[in-house]
Amino acid sequence: MFTKLSLVPTFKIHHVTRYQYEFPVRESANQILLFPIRDEYQQVAKQELSISGEPMVDIYKDFYGNEVGSFMNAEPHLELVIDTKTEVITTVRVLPSDDVPAEIQWEELKRVHTQFPFIDFLKQEQFNALDEVSEIVQSLESRLHTPLLAAKQLNEYVFRNFTYNKGITSVETTLDEIWKLKAGVCQDFAHLLLVMLKTIDIPARYVSGYICPHKNGMRGEGATHAWVEAYIPFYGWLGFDPTNNCIVDGVHVRLAVGRSFNDCSPVKGTYKGASSHTLDVGVSVAYEDGETSAEAPTLLVPQPVKVNNLSSNSYRRYMEMMQQQQ
């Protein structure tokens, strides 16, 4: 059913995250998911992590098996910089042969529905347009195919029917807004594919990471990226990238998996102090011939965070000033 895996060259990834605060903040508590997954498809040859203030980083595994780092910065500071340099060797996955009859594969999916860890990856997100999305999925008659072909079909549907457009959505954009816009970026495409797969009872999970092709024009190249893994009976988890209409292979580097973006956010945290900050992120990727997508990880995505409306009441104003979500 499977053939020998082949190695692809090492990718060197430089990822910088910078928070800048309007006034000094303190007691910053942070969580990072910047440690690539280590398994038979992905090896981490080397990783260097540098954080301003040189805090001690506690590393542990979360519920979904992701490697997570947490750290505190108690001293007042105007800036937080998290800098990682990572070398990753990936292997090209061999696709399932899909020679098991479709009805047997769908029966297998029914059998695993009540088993860990599939329960979390089958729970459907509720939103106003869910019935409309479900009707479209049903009209495609995906269940007449094998789960693999059904996942390919839905992956292509998102790619064909939604416009890749940077800057019109954020991590806070809802599914209803994405569905109305019919546009967005990789996290939005992944969000929609998750919903569609679950409507036909295929377990699906969100994946964060990088896409590292050699200048072949793929969307999301040389940047943080997101896609979906679907559970294929008698095979396991297989990645689908609706942003590029492809099955995930050796040019995708996985950082974390979870139910949604919230489980996989590369960096998040809280702090005490001013309620306004800006976030900048930059990524560069060195390819097999030594060339890079950028000479250095220029901070590419400025994301100003607006001051919250603190006029509601004194207690809420105090709490929101003391602790802000990054």
Protein backbone atom coordinates (compact mmCIF):
# COMPACT_ATOMS: atom_id res chain seq x y z
CA MET A 1 0.00 0.00 0.00
CA PHE A 2 2.90 2.34 0.70
CA THR A 3 6.29 2.87 -0.84
CA LYS A 4 9.52 4.12 0.62
CA LEU A 5 9.60 7.77 1.67
CA SER A 6 12.13 10.09 0.10
CA LEU A 7 13.91 13.01 1.76
CA VAL A 8 13.70 16.57 0.50
CA PRO A 9 16.30 19.26 1.29
CA THR A 10 16.54 21.11 4.58
CA PHE A 11 14.56 24.32 4.98
CA LYS A 12 16.01 27.11 7.15
CA ILE A 13 13.23 29.24 8.61
CA HIS A 14 13.71 32.56 10.42
CA HIS A 15 10.60 33.80 12.23
CA VAL A 16 10.47 37.09 14.16
CA THR A 17 7.55 38.40 16.23
CA ARG A 18 7.72 41.87 17.77
CA TYR A 19 5.30 43.56 20.15
CA GLN A 20 5.73 47.27 20.82
CA TYR A 21 3.82 48.96 23.65
CA GLU A 22 2.71 52.58 23.92
CA PHE A 23 3.83 52.69 27.55
CA PRO A 24 5.96 50.30 29.63
CA VAL A 25 4.14 47.07 30.53
CA ARG A 26 5.01 44.41 33.09
CA GLU A 27 4.20 40.85 34.14
CA SER A 28 3.96 39.70 30.54
CA ALA A 29 2.93 36.02 30.42
CA ASN A 30 3.34 34.38 27.03
CA GLN A 31 2.82 31.10 25.19
CA ILE A 32 4.61 30.14 21.97
CA LEU A 33 4.00 27.30 19.52
CA LEU A 34 7.11 27.77 17.41
CA PHE A 35 8.58 24.29 17.75
CA PRO A 36 7.98 22.21 14.59
CA ILE A 37 6.31 18.84 15.04
CA ARG A 38 8.77 15.93 15.18
CA ASP A 39 7.63 12.66 13.62
CA GLU A 40 8.35 10.29 10.74
CA TYR A 41 7.57 13.06 8.24
CA GLN A 42 9.46 15.91 9.83
CA GLN A 43 12.83 16.21 11.59
CA VAL A 44 14.18 19.28 13.38
CA ALA A 45 17.90 19.46 12.69
CA LYS A 46 18.52 22.62 14.69
CA GLN A 47 16.61 25.38 16.45
CA GLU A 48 17.71 28.63 18.11
CA LEU A 49 15.27 30.65 20.21
CA SER A 50 15.99 34.18 21.37
CA ILE A 51 13.59 36.28 23.47
CA SER A 52 14.17 39.84 24.65
CA GLY A 53 14.86 39.97 28.37
CA GLU A 54 16.21 36.39 28.21
CA PRO A 55 13.41 34.80 30.26
CA MET A 56 13.43 31.14 31.23
CA VAL A 57 11.21 29.15 28.84
CA ASP A 58 9.28 26.17 30.19
CA ILE A 59 8.56 23.64 27.41
CA TYR A 60 5.79 21.03 27.64
CA LYS A 61 3.34 19.06 25.48
CA ASP A 62 -0.27 20.23 25.22
CA PHE A 63 -3.45 18.15 24.89
CA TYR A 64 -2.91 17.71 21.14
CA GLY A 65 0.74 16.75 21.41
CA ASN A 66 2.14 20.13 20.37
CA GLU A 67 5.36 21.34 21.93
CA VAL A 68 4.55 24.57 23.79
CA GLY A 69 6.84 27.13 25.40
CA SER A 70 5.72 29.46 28.17
CA PHE A 71 7.61 32.33 29.80
CA MET A 72 7.20 35.43 31.96
CA ASN A 73 8.74 38.87 31.75
CA ALA A 74 8.04 40.62 35.05
CA GLU A 75 10.18 43.72 34.49
CA PRO A 76 8.73 46.84 32.80
CA HIS A 77 9.41 46.80 29.05
CA LEU A 78 8.39 48.68 25.91
CA GLU A 79 9.08 45.84 23.47
CA LEU A 80 8.94 42.06 23.29
CA VAL A 81 10.84 40.31 20.49
CA ILE A 82 10.66 36.54 19.89
CA ASP A 83 13.20 35.33 17.32
CA THR A 84 13.48 31.71 16.15
CA LYS A 85 15.86 30.16 13.61
CA THR A 86 14.96 26.60 12.67
CA GLU A 87 16.29 23.97 10.28
CA VAL A 88 13.71 21.35 9.29
CA ILE A 89 14.04 18.25 7.12
CA THR A 90 10.76 16.95 5.73
CA THR A 91 9.80 13.80 3.87
CA VAL A 92 7.33 13.47 1.04
CA ARG A 93 4.25 11.57 2.14
CA VAL A 94 3.04 8.63 0.11
CA LEU A 95 -0.68 8.98 -0.54
CA PRO A 96 -3.15 6.29 0.47
CA SER A 97 -3.93 3.87 -2.35
CA ASP A 98 -7.69 4.38 -1.87
CA ASP A 99 -8.34 0.80 -3.00
CA VAL A 100 -10.71 0.00 -0.10
CA PRO A 101 -14.38 0.32 -1.22
CA ALA A 102 -15.96 3.66 -0.35
CA GLU A 103 -18.77 2.15 1.76
CA ILE A 104 -16.26 0.34 3.98
CA GLN A 105 -14.31 3.55 4.51
CA TRP A 106 -17.42 5.52 5.49
CA GLU A 107 -18.38 2.73 7.90
CA GLU A 108 -14.92 3.00 9.45
CA LEU A 109 -15.47 6.72 9.98
CA LYS A 110 -18.74 5.96 11.78
CA ARG A 111 -16.88 3.52 14.01
CA VAL A 112 -14.27 6.05 15.16
CA HIS A 113 -16.69 8.92 15.79
CA THR A 114 -16.90 8.26 19.53
CA GLN A 115 -13.21 7.57 19.96
CA PHE A 116 -10.45 9.83 21.19
CA PRO A 117 -9.13 12.05 19.61
CA PHE A 118 -11.75 12.25 16.86
CA ILE A 119 -14.53 13.71 19.03
CA ASP A 120 -12.82 17.10 19.23
CA PHE A 121 -12.21 17.15 15.50
CA LEU A 122 -15.83 16.39 14.61
CA LYS A 123 -17.55 18.99 16.77
CA GLN A 124 -19.13 21.46 14.37
CA GLU A 125 -18.88 25.19 14.82
CA GLN A 126 -22.28 26.88 14.86
CA PHE A 127 -22.84 29.96 12.71
CA ASN A 128 -25.73 31.48 10.76
CA ALA A 129 -24.70 30.22 7.33
CA LEU A 130 -24.09 26.61 8.43
CA ASP A 131 -27.27 25.31 6.78
CA GLU A 132 -26.33 27.01 3.51
CA VAL A 133 -22.83 25.53 3.64
CA SER A 134 -24.26 22.08 4.40
CA GLU A 135 -26.62 22.31 1.43
CA ILE A 136 -23.74 23.10 -0.91
CA VAL A 137 -21.70 20.19 0.43
CA GLN A 138 -24.66 17.85 0.00
CA SER A 139 -25.17 19.08 -3.57
CA LEU A 140 -21.64 17.98 -4.38
CA GLU A 141 -22.61 14.41 -3.40
CA SER A 142 -19.27 13.94 -1.68
CA ARG A 143 -20.42 10.79 0.10
CA LEU A 144 -20.61 8.98 -3.22
CA HIS A 145 -16.82 9.14 -3.33
CA THR A 146 -14.25 7.76 -0.94
CA PRO A 147 -13.34 10.07 1.97
CA LEU A 148 -10.05 10.86 0.22
CA LEU A 149 -11.75 11.94 -2.99
CA ALA A 150 -14.42 13.81 -1.03
CA ALA A 151 -11.73 15.77 0.84
CA LYS A 152 -10.01 16.59 -2.46
CA GLN A 153 -13.33 17.76 -3.90
CA LEU A 154 -14.07 20.09 -0.97
CA ASN A 155 -10.50 21.35 -0.95
CA GLU A 156 -10.89 22.35 -4.60
CA TYR A 157 -14.32 23.89 -3.96
CA VAL A 158 -12.87 26.35 -1.41
CA PHE A 159 -9.98 27.16 -3.74
CA ARG A 160 -12.25 27.78 -6.73
CA ASN A 161 -15.01 29.72 -5.00
CA PHE A 162 -13.13 32.00 -2.60
CA THR A 163 -10.74 34.79 -3.50
CA TYR A 164 -7.31 34.99 -1.89
CA ASN A 165 -7.17 38.58 -0.66
CA LYS A 166 -4.79 39.82 2.01
CA GLY A 167 -5.88 42.46 4.49
CA ILE A 168 -9.67 42.09 4.40
CA THR A 169 -9.90 39.64 7.32
CA SER A 170 -8.21 39.06 10.68
CA VAL A 171 -8.02 36.23 13.21
CA GLU A 172 -11.22 37.65 14.70
CA THR A 173 -13.23 37.49 11.44
CA THR A 174 -16.21 35.17 11.88
CA LEU A 175 -17.25 32.35 9.58
CA ASP A 176 -20.38 34.27 8.60
CA GLU A 177 -18.23 37.22 7.55
CA ILE A 178 -15.87 34.97 5.56
CA TRP A 179 -18.83 33.26 3.88
CA LYS A 180 -20.33 36.63 2.93
CA LEU A 181 -17.03 38.05 1.66
CA LYS A 182 -16.15 34.87 -0.27
CA ALA A 183 -12.56 35.97 0.29
CA GLY A 184 -9.74 35.90 2.79
CA VAL A 185 -6.35 34.35 3.46
CA CYS A 186 -5.06 30.90 4.39
CA GLN A 187 -6.58 30.79 7.88
CA ASP A 188 -10.00 31.65 6.41
CA PHE A 189 -9.72 29.02 3.69
CA ALA A 190 -8.72 26.45 6.33
CA HIS A 191 -11.60 27.50 8.58
CA LEU A 192 -14.13 26.90 5.80
CA LEU A 193 -12.67 23.55 4.78
CA LEU A 194 -12.84 22.37 8.40
CA VAL A 195 -16.57 23.11 8.48
CA MET A 196 -17.24 21.41 5.13
CA LEU A 197 -15.37 18.23 6.03
CA LYS A 198 -17.23 17.95 9.33
CA THR A 199 -20.61 18.23 7.60
CA ILE A 200 -19.91 14.84 6.00
CA ASP A 201 -18.46 13.41 9.23
CA ILE A 202 -14.78 13.45 8.25
CA PRO A 203 -12.65 14.36 11.31
CA ALA A 204 -10.67 17.49 10.49
CA ARG A 205 -8.13 19.57 12.36
CA TYR A 206 -6.46 22.96 11.86
CA VAL A 207 -2.71 23.08 11.16
CA SER A 208 -0.35 26.04 11.51
CA GLY A 209 3.09 26.17 9.98
CA TYR A 210 5.00 27.35 6.94
CA ILE A 211 4.97 26.63 3.24
CA CYS A 212 8.48 26.54 1.79
CA PRO A 213 8.46 25.91 -1.97
CA HIS A 214 11.26 27.18 -4.18
CA LYS A 215 9.70 30.30 -5.69
CA ASN A 216 6.98 28.47 -7.57
CA GLY A 217 4.29 31.05 -6.92
CA MET A 218 2.31 29.20 -4.27
CA ARG A 219 0.22 31.39 -2.01
CA GLY A 220 1.69 31.82 1.45
CA GLU A 221 5.24 31.02 0.34
CA GLY A 222 7.89 32.15 2.79
CA ALA A 223 5.39 33.09 5.50
CA THR A 224 3.28 31.60 8.25
CA HIS A 225 0.60 29.42 6.71
CA ALA A 226 -2.47 27.37 7.67
CA TRP A 227 -4.20 24.34 6.24
CA VAL A 228 -6.29 21.33 7.29
CA GLU A 229 -5.63 17.68 8.07
CA ALA A 230 -8.44 15.21 7.41
CA TYR A 231 -8.58 11.70 8.83
CA ILE A 232 -8.56 9.15 6.02
CA PRO A 233 -9.68 5.62 7.04
CA PHE A 234 -6.97 2.96 7.10
CA TYR A 235 -4.34 5.65 6.46
CA GLY A 236 -4.33 8.42 9.07
CA TRP A 237 -4.16 12.19 8.98
CA LEU A 238 -3.52 13.77 5.58
CA GLY A 239 -3.04 17.49 4.93
CA PHE A 240 -5.12 19.49 2.45
CA ASP A 241 -4.16 23.05 1.53
CA PRO A 242 -7.24 24.85 0.15
CA THR A 243 -5.27 28.06 -0.37
CA ASN A 244 -3.22 26.28 -3.05
CA ASN A 245 -5.59 23.40 -3.94
CA CYS A 246 -3.02 20.74 -3.14
CA ILE A 247 -2.34 17.83 -0.83
CA VAL A 248 0.32 18.71 1.74
CA ASP A 249 3.73 17.26 0.96
CA GLY A 250 7.39 17.93 1.69
CA VAL A 251 7.24 21.70 1.27
CA HIS A 252 4.86 22.22 4.20
CA VAL A 253 6.39 22.51 7.69
CA ARG A 254 3.95 21.83 10.56
CA LEU A 255 4.15 23.77 13.82
CA ALA A 256 0.96 22.75 15.61
CA VAL A 257 -2.42 21.06 15.20
CA GLY A 258 -5.70 21.78 16.98
CA ARG A 259 -9.40 22.45 16.67
CA SER A 260 -8.93 25.97 15.30
CA PHE A 261 -6.55 28.90 15.08
CA ASN A 262 -6.94 29.48 18.83
CA ASP A 263 -5.26 26.15 19.56
CA CYS A 264 -2.41 26.82 17.12
CA SER A 265 -1.60 30.53 17.42
CA PRO A 266 2.22 30.79 17.17
CA VAL A 267 2.39 33.49 19.88
CA LYS A 268 -0.13 34.74 22.42
CA GLY A 269 -0.10 36.12 25.92
CA THR A 270 -1.26 38.69 28.45
CA TYR A 271 0.34 41.61 30.22
CA LYS A 272 -0.33 44.36 32.75
CA GLY A 273 -0.10 47.91 31.55
CA ALA A 274 -1.22 50.10 28.65
CA SER A 275 -4.06 48.76 26.52
CA SER A 276 -2.51 49.68 23.16
CA HIS A 277 0.24 47.79 21.34
CA THR A 278 1.34 46.94 17.82
CA LEU A 279 2.31 43.53 16.49
CA ASP A 280 4.75 42.92 13.62
CA VAL A 281 5.63 39.50 12.19
CA GLY A 282 8.27 38.53 9.65
CA VAL A 283 9.35 35.22 8.14
CA SER A 284 12.13 34.28 5.73
CA VAL A 285 12.88 30.84 4.29
CA ALA A 286 16.23 29.63 2.97
CA TYR A 287 15.90 27.06 0.20
CA GLU A 288 18.04 24.10 -0.77
CA ASP A 289 20.37 26.19 -2.96
CA GLY A 290 21.07 28.70 -0.21
CA GLU A 291 18.81 31.39 -1.63
CA THR A 292 16.23 32.95 0.63
CA SER A 293 12.77 34.40 0.25
CA ALA A 294 14.22 37.53 1.90
CA GLU A 295 17.72 38.41 3.10
CA ALA A 296 16.30 38.84 6.60
CA PRO A 297 12.83 38.36 8.10
CA THR A 298 11.59 41.88 7.48
CA LEU A 299 8.70 42.64 9.81
CA LEU A 300 6.04 42.21 7.16
CA VAL A 301 2.63 42.39 8.78
CA PRO A 302 2.03 45.41 11.01
CA GLN A 303 -1.12 44.81 13.05
CA PRO A 304 -1.98 47.83 15.24
CA VAL A 305 -4.15 46.87 18.17
CA LYS A 306 -6.66 49.59 19.00
CA VAL A 307 -7.23 50.87 22.50
CA ASN A 308 -10.27 49.17 23.97
CA ASN A 309 -13.40 51.14 24.75
CA LEU A 310 -13.04 51.53 28.51
CA SER A 311 -16.05 53.75 29.19
CA SER A 312 -18.44 51.04 30.43
CA ASN A 313 -17.67 51.01 34.15
CA SER A 314 -14.75 51.60 36.49
CA TYR A 315 -14.21 47.94 37.41
CA ARG A 316 -14.11 46.77 33.79
CA ARG A 317 -11.89 49.73 32.90
CA TYR A 318 -9.46 48.73 35.65
CA MET A 319 -9.38 45.06 34.62
CA GLU A 320 -8.93 45.78 30.92
CA MET A 321 -6.12 48.24 31.66
CA MET A 322 -4.39 45.69 33.88
CA GLN A 323 -4.54 42.71 31.56
CA GLN A 324 -4.69 42.77 27.77
CA GLN A 325 -4.82 39.89 25.29
CA GLN A 326 -2.13 40.02 22.62
